[in-house]
Amino acid sequence: MPTGTAFSNTLESEVLNSTLRGAAFTAKGGATMYLAFLTNATSDTALTELASGGAYTTRPAFTATTSQCFSTSTGADTASTGGTQLLNRNALTFTASGAANNSITGIAICTTNTVNATPANMATDTSVLYYGDLTGGTVSLAIGQSITFAAGAITVSLD
């Protein structure tokens, strides 16, 4: 594939299925994956996780259905083909308690719930599968405020 071109739809589907739903992924079928909140999501080398505190002492878990945390944009649990996007199956809500959670600019899908002890080490956190910016800009949560990602609101695609 020439430099600077996107993945083909078929290759993208294979990569996403392999990492989020593939047989080699230990958490397939009722998998638990976790959402990390990022205060910098601009590049692989600059990822920074929100510092642990208040309710954010462990990453919130995606609730899996009997089959998957992610399904195709058609709602199917079958393999994504031809570039069908993968979306979160169920809503995910996080409520700040005990401390404000400021300047959340992005999220990461991870395989562990452990918040990085050194937030700037997120760039080397091997539990991170995918990351990206929040649509709509930065979010800050005061104590008692919640952020909810509705079912289908987290779209996983490669660029």
N, C-alpha and C. Protein backbone atom coordinates (compact mmCIF):
# COMPACT_ATOMS: atom_id res chain seq x y z
N MET A 1 0.84 -1.17 0.00
CA MET A 1 0.00 0.00 0.00
C MET A 1 0.89 1.24 0.00
N PRO A 2 0.63 2.21 -0.84
CA PRO A 2 1.47 3.41 -0.92
C PRO A 2 1.45 4.21 0.39
N THR A 3 2.55 4.89 0.67
CA THR A 3 2.64 5.72 1.86
C THR A 3 1.58 6.81 1.83
N GLY A 4 0.97 7.07 2.99
CA GLY A 4 0.01 8.16 3.10
C GLY A 4 -1.41 7.79 2.68
N THR A 5 -1.66 6.53 2.42
CA THR A 5 -3.02 6.14 2.05
C THR A 5 -3.69 5.44 3.23
N ALA A 6 -4.98 5.48 3.25
CA ALA A 6 -5.75 4.84 4.32
C ALA A 6 -5.77 3.34 4.11
N PHE A 7 -6.11 2.62 5.18
CA PHE A 7 -6.33 1.18 5.04
C PHE A 7 -7.50 0.93 4.10
N SER A 8 -7.44 -0.14 3.36
CA SER A 8 -8.62 -0.52 2.57
C SER A 8 -9.73 -0.91 3.54
N ASN A 9 -10.97 -0.86 3.09
CA ASN A 9 -12.09 -1.23 3.95
C ASN A 9 -11.95 -2.64 4.49
N THR A 10 -11.52 -3.55 3.64
CA THR A 10 -11.39 -4.95 4.06
C THR A 10 -10.30 -5.10 5.10
N LEU A 11 -9.15 -4.48 4.89
CA LEU A 11 -8.05 -4.58 5.84
C LEU A 11 -8.43 -3.93 7.17
N GLU A 12 -9.10 -2.78 7.10
CA GLU A 12 -9.54 -2.12 8.33
C GLU A 12 -10.47 -3.04 9.11
N SER A 13 -11.40 -3.68 8.45
CA SER A 13 -12.32 -4.59 9.12
C SER A 13 -11.58 -5.73 9.79
N GLU A 14 -10.58 -6.27 9.11
CA GLU A 14 -9.82 -7.38 9.68
C GLU A 14 -9.04 -6.95 10.91
N VAL A 15 -8.44 -5.75 10.87
CA VAL A 15 -7.67 -5.25 12.01
C VAL A 15 -8.59 -5.02 13.21
N LEU A 16 -9.72 -4.37 12.99
CA LEU A 16 -10.64 -4.09 14.09
C LEU A 16 -11.22 -5.36 14.68
N ASN A 17 -11.63 -6.28 13.85
CA ASN A 17 -12.17 -7.54 14.35
C ASN A 17 -11.12 -8.32 15.13
N SER A 18 -9.90 -8.31 14.65
CA SER A 18 -8.83 -9.04 15.30
C SER A 18 -8.55 -8.49 16.69
N THR A 19 -8.54 -7.17 16.84
CA THR A 19 -8.18 -6.58 18.13
C THR A 19 -9.36 -6.42 19.08
N LEU A 20 -10.54 -6.10 18.58
CA LEU A 20 -11.68 -5.88 19.46
C LEU A 20 -12.58 -7.10 19.61
N ARG A 21 -12.54 -8.02 18.65
CA ARG A 21 -13.48 -9.14 18.70
C ARG A 21 -12.88 -10.46 18.25
N GLY A 22 -11.58 -10.48 17.97
CA GLY A 22 -10.96 -11.65 17.37
C GLY A 22 -10.72 -12.81 18.30
N ALA A 23 -10.57 -13.99 17.73
CA ALA A 23 -10.36 -15.21 18.50
C ALA A 23 -9.10 -15.15 19.34
N ALA A 24 -8.09 -14.43 18.87
CA ALA A 24 -6.83 -14.36 19.61
C ALA A 24 -6.92 -13.41 20.81
N PHE A 25 -7.94 -12.57 20.84
CA PHE A 25 -8.10 -11.62 21.93
C PHE A 25 -8.74 -12.35 23.11
N THR A 26 -8.10 -12.37 24.25
CA THR A 26 -8.51 -13.21 25.37
C THR A 26 -9.89 -12.87 25.92
N ALA A 27 -10.36 -11.66 25.67
CA ALA A 27 -11.63 -11.26 26.27
C ALA A 27 -12.81 -11.38 25.31
N LYS A 28 -12.67 -12.15 24.24
CA LYS A 28 -13.76 -12.27 23.26
C LYS A 28 -14.98 -12.93 23.88
N GLY A 29 -16.15 -12.49 23.48
CA GLY A 29 -17.40 -13.10 23.92
C GLY A 29 -17.71 -12.72 25.35
N GLY A 30 -18.43 -11.61 25.54
CA GLY A 30 -18.69 -11.14 26.88
C GLY A 30 -17.49 -10.40 27.45
N ALA A 31 -16.66 -9.89 26.57
CA ALA A 31 -15.40 -9.24 26.95
C ALA A 31 -15.64 -8.04 27.84
N THR A 32 -14.67 -7.77 28.68
CA THR A 32 -14.67 -6.50 29.40
C THR A 32 -13.52 -5.68 28.86
N MET A 33 -13.84 -4.50 28.39
CA MET A 33 -12.84 -3.53 27.98
C MET A 33 -13.09 -2.28 28.80
N TYR A 34 -12.12 -1.41 28.81
CA TYR A 34 -12.18 -0.25 29.71
C TYR A 34 -11.91 1.03 28.94
N LEU A 35 -12.48 2.12 29.46
CA LEU A 35 -12.33 3.43 28.85
C LEU A 35 -11.40 4.27 29.70
N ALA A 36 -10.30 4.72 29.12
CA ALA A 36 -9.39 5.65 29.79
C ALA A 36 -9.71 7.05 29.30
N PHE A 37 -9.67 8.00 30.23
CA PHE A 37 -9.87 9.40 29.87
C PHE A 37 -8.52 10.06 29.66
N LEU A 38 -8.39 10.75 28.54
CA LEU A 38 -7.12 11.37 28.17
C LEU A 38 -7.20 12.88 28.25
N THR A 39 -6.14 13.50 28.76
CA THR A 39 -6.05 14.96 28.76
C THR A 39 -5.19 15.45 27.62
N ASN A 40 -4.59 14.52 26.87
CA ASN A 40 -3.88 14.84 25.64
C ASN A 40 -3.95 13.61 24.76
N ALA A 41 -4.52 13.75 23.59
CA ALA A 41 -4.66 12.62 22.67
C ALA A 41 -4.18 12.99 21.28
N THR A 42 -3.20 13.89 21.20
CA THR A 42 -2.81 14.41 19.89
C THR A 42 -1.93 13.48 19.08
N SER A 43 -1.13 12.63 19.73
CA SER A 43 -0.27 11.73 18.98
C SER A 43 0.16 10.57 19.86
N ASP A 44 0.72 9.55 19.24
CA ASP A 44 1.17 8.37 19.98
C ASP A 44 2.14 8.73 21.09
N THR A 45 2.99 9.70 20.88
CA THR A 45 4.02 10.03 21.87
C THR A 45 3.55 11.03 22.92
N ALA A 46 2.35 11.61 22.76
CA ALA A 46 1.89 12.64 23.68
C ALA A 46 0.68 12.23 24.51
N LEU A 47 0.26 10.98 24.41
CA LEU A 47 -0.92 10.55 25.17
C LEU A 47 -0.71 10.77 26.66
N THR A 48 -1.71 11.37 27.30
CA THR A 48 -1.65 11.59 28.75
C THR A 48 -3.00 11.23 29.34
N GLU A 49 -2.99 10.38 30.35
CA GLU A 49 -4.24 9.96 31.00
C GLU A 49 -4.58 10.94 32.12
N LEU A 50 -5.87 11.09 32.36
CA LEU A 50 -6.35 11.86 33.50
C LEU A 50 -5.74 11.27 34.76
N ALA A 51 -5.25 12.12 35.65
CA ALA A 51 -4.64 11.63 36.89
C ALA A 51 -5.68 10.94 37.76
N SER A 52 -5.27 9.88 38.40
CA SER A 52 -6.15 9.13 39.29
C SER A 52 -6.63 10.02 40.43
N GLY A 53 -7.90 9.90 40.78
CA GLY A 53 -8.45 10.68 41.89
C GLY A 53 -9.96 10.63 41.88
N GLY A 54 -10.58 10.81 43.04
CA GLY A 54 -12.03 10.75 43.14
C GLY A 54 -12.55 9.42 42.66
N ALA A 55 -13.54 9.45 41.76
CA ALA A 55 -14.11 8.22 41.21
C ALA A 55 -13.20 7.60 40.16
N TYR A 56 -12.26 8.38 39.64
CA TYR A 56 -11.39 7.86 38.57
C TYR A 56 -10.13 7.22 39.17
N THR A 57 -10.33 6.13 39.89
CA THR A 57 -9.21 5.35 40.41
C THR A 57 -9.08 4.05 39.64
N THR A 58 -10.13 3.68 38.92
CA THR A 58 -10.08 2.59 37.95
C THR A 58 -10.84 3.06 36.72
N ARG A 59 -10.46 2.56 35.58
CA ARG A 59 -11.11 2.95 34.33
C ARG A 59 -12.51 2.32 34.29
N PRO A 60 -13.52 3.07 33.82
CA PRO A 60 -14.86 2.49 33.73
C PRO A 60 -14.92 1.39 32.67
N ALA A 61 -15.71 0.38 32.96
CA ALA A 61 -15.81 -0.79 32.08
C ALA A 61 -16.94 -0.64 31.08
N PHE A 62 -16.70 -1.12 29.87
CA PHE A 62 -17.78 -1.30 28.91
C PHE A 62 -18.59 -2.49 29.40
N THR A 63 -19.90 -2.40 29.36
CA THR A 63 -20.72 -3.54 29.71
C THR A 63 -20.89 -4.39 28.47
N ALA A 64 -20.46 -5.63 28.55
CA ALA A 64 -20.57 -6.53 27.40
C ALA A 64 -21.96 -7.15 27.37
N THR A 65 -22.43 -7.42 26.19
CA THR A 65 -23.63 -8.22 26.04
C THR A 65 -23.20 -9.67 26.14
N THR A 66 -24.07 -10.58 25.84
CA THR A 66 -23.69 -11.99 25.87
C THR A 66 -22.66 -12.30 24.81
N SER A 67 -22.44 -11.36 23.88
CA SER A 67 -21.47 -11.65 22.83
C SER A 67 -20.29 -10.69 22.80
N GLN A 68 -20.51 -9.40 22.69
CA GLN A 68 -19.40 -8.48 22.48
C GLN A 68 -19.64 -7.11 23.10
N CYS A 69 -18.54 -6.40 23.39
CA CYS A 69 -18.61 -4.98 23.78
C CYS A 69 -18.86 -4.11 22.56
N PHE A 70 -18.40 -4.58 21.39
CA PHE A 70 -18.54 -3.83 20.15
C PHE A 70 -19.25 -4.68 19.12
N SER A 71 -20.05 -4.03 18.30
CA SER A 71 -20.72 -4.72 17.20
C SER A 71 -20.60 -3.85 15.96
N THR A 72 -21.00 -4.38 14.84
CA THR A 72 -20.94 -3.60 13.61
C THR A 72 -21.99 -2.50 13.64
N SER A 73 -21.85 -1.55 12.73
CA SER A 73 -22.80 -0.44 12.67
C SER A 73 -24.21 -0.90 12.34
N THR A 74 -24.35 -2.15 11.90
CA THR A 74 -25.68 -2.70 11.65
C THR A 74 -26.23 -3.40 12.88
N GLY A 75 -25.44 -3.44 13.97
CA GLY A 75 -25.88 -4.09 15.20
C GLY A 75 -25.56 -5.58 15.24
N ALA A 76 -24.91 -6.09 14.21
CA ALA A 76 -24.62 -7.52 14.14
C ALA A 76 -23.37 -7.87 14.92
N ASP A 77 -23.34 -9.10 15.45
CA ASP A 77 -22.15 -9.61 16.13
C ASP A 77 -21.28 -10.42 15.19
N THR A 78 -21.66 -10.49 13.93
CA THR A 78 -20.84 -11.19 12.95
C THR A 78 -19.65 -10.31 12.58
N ALA A 79 -18.71 -10.87 11.86
CA ALA A 79 -17.51 -10.12 11.49
C ALA A 79 -17.86 -8.88 10.68
N SER A 80 -17.14 -7.82 10.96
CA SER A 80 -17.27 -6.60 10.17
C SER A 80 -16.63 -6.85 8.81
N THR A 81 -17.34 -6.49 7.76
CA THR A 81 -16.79 -6.67 6.42
C THR A 81 -16.97 -5.39 5.62
N GLY A 82 -16.08 -5.20 4.69
CA GLY A 82 -16.21 -4.05 3.78
C GLY A 82 -16.18 -2.71 4.46
N GLY A 83 -15.51 -2.61 5.63
CA GLY A 83 -15.38 -1.32 6.29
C GLY A 83 -16.51 -0.97 7.22
N THR A 84 -17.39 -1.93 7.53
CA THR A 84 -18.45 -1.65 8.48
C THR A 84 -17.82 -1.24 9.80
N GLN A 85 -18.23 -0.10 10.35
CA GLN A 85 -17.62 0.40 11.57
C GLN A 85 -18.02 -0.45 12.77
N LEU A 86 -17.16 -0.44 13.80
CA LEU A 86 -17.50 -1.06 15.07
C LEU A 86 -17.90 0.03 16.05
N LEU A 87 -18.99 -0.22 16.78
CA LEU A 87 -19.55 0.73 17.72
C LEU A 87 -19.77 0.06 19.07
N ASN A 88 -19.73 0.87 20.15
CA ASN A 88 -20.01 0.30 21.46
C ASN A 88 -21.46 -0.21 21.52
N ARG A 89 -21.64 -1.41 22.05
CA ARG A 89 -22.96 -2.04 22.10
C ARG A 89 -23.89 -1.37 23.11
N ASN A 90 -23.34 -0.99 24.25
CA ASN A 90 -24.16 -0.44 25.33
C ASN A 90 -23.63 0.91 25.77
N ALA A 91 -24.49 1.66 26.45
CA ALA A 91 -24.08 2.96 26.96
C ALA A 91 -23.04 2.78 28.07
N LEU A 92 -22.18 3.77 28.23
CA LEU A 92 -21.18 3.78 29.28
C LEU A 92 -21.26 5.14 29.96
N THR A 93 -21.42 5.14 31.29
CA THR A 93 -21.54 6.38 32.06
C THR A 93 -20.47 6.43 33.13
N PHE A 94 -19.88 7.59 33.31
CA PHE A 94 -18.92 7.82 34.38
C PHE A 94 -19.36 9.06 35.14
N THR A 95 -19.41 8.97 36.46
CA THR A 95 -19.79 10.09 37.31
C THR A 95 -18.62 10.48 38.20
N ALA A 96 -18.27 11.76 38.18
CA ALA A 96 -17.18 12.27 39.01
C ALA A 96 -17.64 12.35 40.46
N SER A 97 -16.84 11.83 41.35
CA SER A 97 -17.13 11.95 42.78
C SER A 97 -15.82 12.09 43.52
N GLY A 98 -15.80 12.93 44.53
CA GLY A 98 -14.60 13.10 45.35
C GLY A 98 -13.56 14.03 44.76
N ALA A 99 -13.62 14.28 43.48
CA ALA A 99 -12.68 15.20 42.83
C ALA A 99 -13.22 15.57 41.46
N ALA A 100 -12.92 16.80 41.05
CA ALA A 100 -13.30 17.21 39.70
C ALA A 100 -12.40 16.48 38.71
N ASN A 101 -12.90 16.28 37.53
CA ASN A 101 -12.14 15.64 36.45
C ASN A 101 -12.09 16.63 35.29
N ASN A 102 -10.96 17.30 35.16
CA ASN A 102 -10.87 18.42 34.25
C ASN A 102 -10.10 18.12 32.97
N SER A 103 -10.48 18.81 31.92
CA SER A 103 -9.75 18.83 30.65
C SER A 103 -9.64 17.47 29.98
N ILE A 104 -10.73 16.72 29.92
CA ILE A 104 -10.76 15.45 29.19
C ILE A 104 -10.91 15.78 27.72
N THR A 105 -9.89 15.44 26.93
CA THR A 105 -9.92 15.76 25.51
C THR A 105 -10.11 14.55 24.62
N GLY A 106 -9.90 13.36 25.19
CA GLY A 106 -10.02 12.15 24.39
C GLY A 106 -10.25 10.93 25.24
N ILE A 107 -10.41 9.80 24.57
CA ILE A 107 -10.61 8.53 25.25
C ILE A 107 -9.71 7.47 24.61
N ALA A 108 -9.48 6.42 25.38
CA ALA A 108 -8.75 5.26 24.87
C ALA A 108 -9.50 4.00 25.27
N ILE A 109 -9.54 3.03 24.40
CA ILE A 109 -10.12 1.72 24.71
C ILE A 109 -8.95 0.84 25.15
N CYS A 110 -9.09 0.27 26.35
CA CYS A 110 -7.98 -0.46 26.97
C CYS A 110 -8.43 -1.85 27.39
N THR A 111 -7.44 -2.70 27.66
CA THR A 111 -7.73 -4.07 28.10
C THR A 111 -7.61 -4.24 29.60
N THR A 112 -7.14 -3.20 30.34
CA THR A 112 -7.10 -3.28 31.80
C THR A 112 -7.77 -2.05 32.40
N ASN A 113 -8.19 -2.20 33.65
CA ASN A 113 -8.87 -1.08 34.31
C ASN A 113 -7.92 -0.23 35.14
N THR A 114 -6.64 -0.51 35.10
CA THR A 114 -5.67 0.21 35.92
C THR A 114 -5.34 1.57 35.34
N VAL A 115 -5.61 2.61 36.14
CA VAL A 115 -5.25 3.96 35.72
C VAL A 115 -3.73 4.08 35.81
N ASN A 116 -3.13 4.67 34.79
CA ASN A 116 -1.68 4.79 34.74
C ASN A 116 -1.17 5.60 35.92
N ALA A 117 -0.25 5.05 36.70
CA ALA A 117 0.28 5.73 37.87
C ALA A 117 1.00 7.02 37.51
N THR A 118 1.62 7.04 36.34
CA THR A 118 2.26 8.24 35.83
C THR A 118 1.52 8.60 34.54
N PRO A 119 0.58 9.56 34.61
CA PRO A 119 -0.29 9.82 33.46
C PRO A 119 0.41 9.99 32.13
N ALA A 120 1.59 10.61 32.11
CA ALA A 120 2.30 10.81 30.84
C ALA A 120 2.87 9.52 30.29
N ASN A 121 2.88 8.43 31.08
CA ASN A 121 3.36 7.14 30.58
C ASN A 121 2.33 6.44 29.71
N MET A 122 1.20 7.07 29.49
CA MET A 122 0.14 6.48 28.67
C MET A 122 0.67 6.11 27.28
N ALA A 123 1.65 6.83 26.81
CA ALA A 123 2.22 6.56 25.49
C ALA A 123 2.85 5.18 25.41
N THR A 124 3.23 4.61 26.55
CA THR A 124 3.84 3.28 26.55
C THR A 124 2.94 2.23 27.21
N ASP A 125 1.69 2.58 27.47
CA ASP A 125 0.75 1.66 28.12
C ASP A 125 0.30 0.60 27.11
N THR A 126 0.71 -0.63 27.32
CA THR A 126 0.42 -1.70 26.36
C THR A 126 -1.03 -2.16 26.42
N SER A 127 -1.83 -1.66 27.36
CA SER A 127 -3.25 -2.04 27.40
C SER A 127 -4.10 -1.22 26.45
N VAL A 128 -3.54 -0.16 25.87
CA VAL A 128 -4.29 0.72 24.96
C VAL A 128 -4.43 0.05 23.59
N LEU A 129 -5.68 -0.13 23.16
CA LEU A 129 -5.94 -0.67 21.82
C LEU A 129 -6.13 0.45 20.81
N TYR A 130 -7.00 1.40 21.13
CA TYR A 130 -7.31 2.52 20.25
C TYR A 130 -7.52 3.77 21.09
N TYR A 131 -7.27 4.93 20.50
CA TYR A 131 -7.53 6.18 21.19
C TYR A 131 -7.95 7.23 20.17
N GLY A 132 -8.57 8.30 20.68
CA GLY A 132 -8.96 9.39 19.81
C GLY A 132 -9.53 10.55 20.59
N ASP A 133 -9.77 11.64 19.88
CA ASP A 133 -10.33 12.85 20.47
C ASP A 133 -11.83 12.71 20.68
N LEU A 134 -12.34 13.46 21.65
CA LEU A 134 -13.78 13.55 21.83
C LEU A 134 -14.35 14.49 20.79
N THR A 135 -15.46 14.10 20.19
CA THR A 135 -16.15 14.99 19.26
C THR A 135 -16.81 16.09 20.08
N GLY A 136 -16.61 17.33 19.70
CA GLY A 136 -17.25 18.43 20.41
C GLY A 136 -16.33 19.14 21.38
N GLY A 137 -15.12 18.66 21.56
CA GLY A 137 -14.17 19.37 22.39
C GLY A 137 -14.00 18.83 23.78
N THR A 138 -13.29 19.60 24.59
CA THR A 138 -12.90 19.21 25.94
C THR A 138 -14.09 19.13 26.89
N VAL A 139 -14.03 18.15 27.80
CA VAL A 139 -15.07 17.97 28.82
C VAL A 139 -14.42 18.08 30.19
N SER A 140 -15.05 18.84 31.08
CA SER A 140 -14.64 18.90 32.48
C SER A 140 -15.85 18.53 33.33
N LEU A 141 -15.63 17.67 34.32
CA LEU A 141 -16.71 17.20 35.17
C LEU A 141 -16.51 17.67 36.60
N ALA A 142 -17.47 18.41 37.13
CA ALA A 142 -17.45 18.78 38.53
C ALA A 142 -17.94 17.57 39.34
N ILE A 143 -17.71 17.58 40.62
CA ILE A 143 -18.16 16.48 41.47
C ILE A 143 -19.67 16.31 41.30
N GLY A 144 -20.09 15.08 41.01
CA GLY A 144 -21.50 14.77 40.81
C GLY A 144 -21.95 14.81 39.36
N GLN A 145 -21.15 15.42 38.48
CA GLN A 145 -21.51 15.45 37.07
C GLN A 145 -21.10 14.15 36.39
N SER A 146 -21.85 13.80 35.33
CA SER A 146 -21.60 12.56 34.60
C SER A 146 -21.33 12.83 33.13
N ILE A 147 -20.64 11.90 32.53
CA ILE A 147 -20.49 11.88 31.08
C ILE A 147 -21.02 10.52 30.63
N THR A 148 -21.87 10.53 29.62
CA THR A 148 -22.44 9.29 29.10
C THR A 148 -22.14 9.17 27.62
N PHE A 149 -21.64 8.00 27.25
CA PHE A 149 -21.46 7.67 25.85
C PHE A 149 -22.59 6.70 25.51
N ALA A 150 -23.57 7.18 24.75
CA ALA A 150 -24.73 6.35 24.40
C ALA A 150 -24.29 5.15 23.58
N ALA A 151 -25.12 4.13 23.54
CA ALA A 151 -24.84 2.98 22.68
C ALA A 151 -24.64 3.48 21.26
N GLY A 152 -23.56 3.05 20.62
CA GLY A 152 -23.26 3.47 19.26
C GLY A 152 -22.53 4.80 19.15
N ALA A 153 -22.24 5.45 20.29
CA ALA A 153 -21.60 6.76 20.25
C ALA A 153 -20.09 6.68 20.09
N ILE A 154 -19.49 5.55 20.44
CA ILE A 154 -18.04 5.41 20.28
C ILE A 154 -17.80 4.61 19.01
N THR A 155 -17.28 5.29 18.01
CA THR A 155 -17.01 4.68 16.71
C THR A 155 -15.53 4.36 16.61
N VAL A 156 -15.23 3.12 16.29
CA VAL A 156 -13.83 2.71 16.15
C VAL A 156 -13.53 2.51 14.67
N SER A 157 -12.61 3.30 14.16
CA SER A 157 -12.17 3.17 12.78
C SER A 157 -10.71 3.59 12.72
N LEU A 158 -10.05 3.23 11.67
CA LEU A 158 -8.63 3.55 11.53
C LEU A 158 -8.45 4.67 10.52
N ASP A 159 -7.45 5.52 10.77
CA ASP A 159 -7.15 6.56 9.79
C ASP A 159 -5.69 6.63 9.50
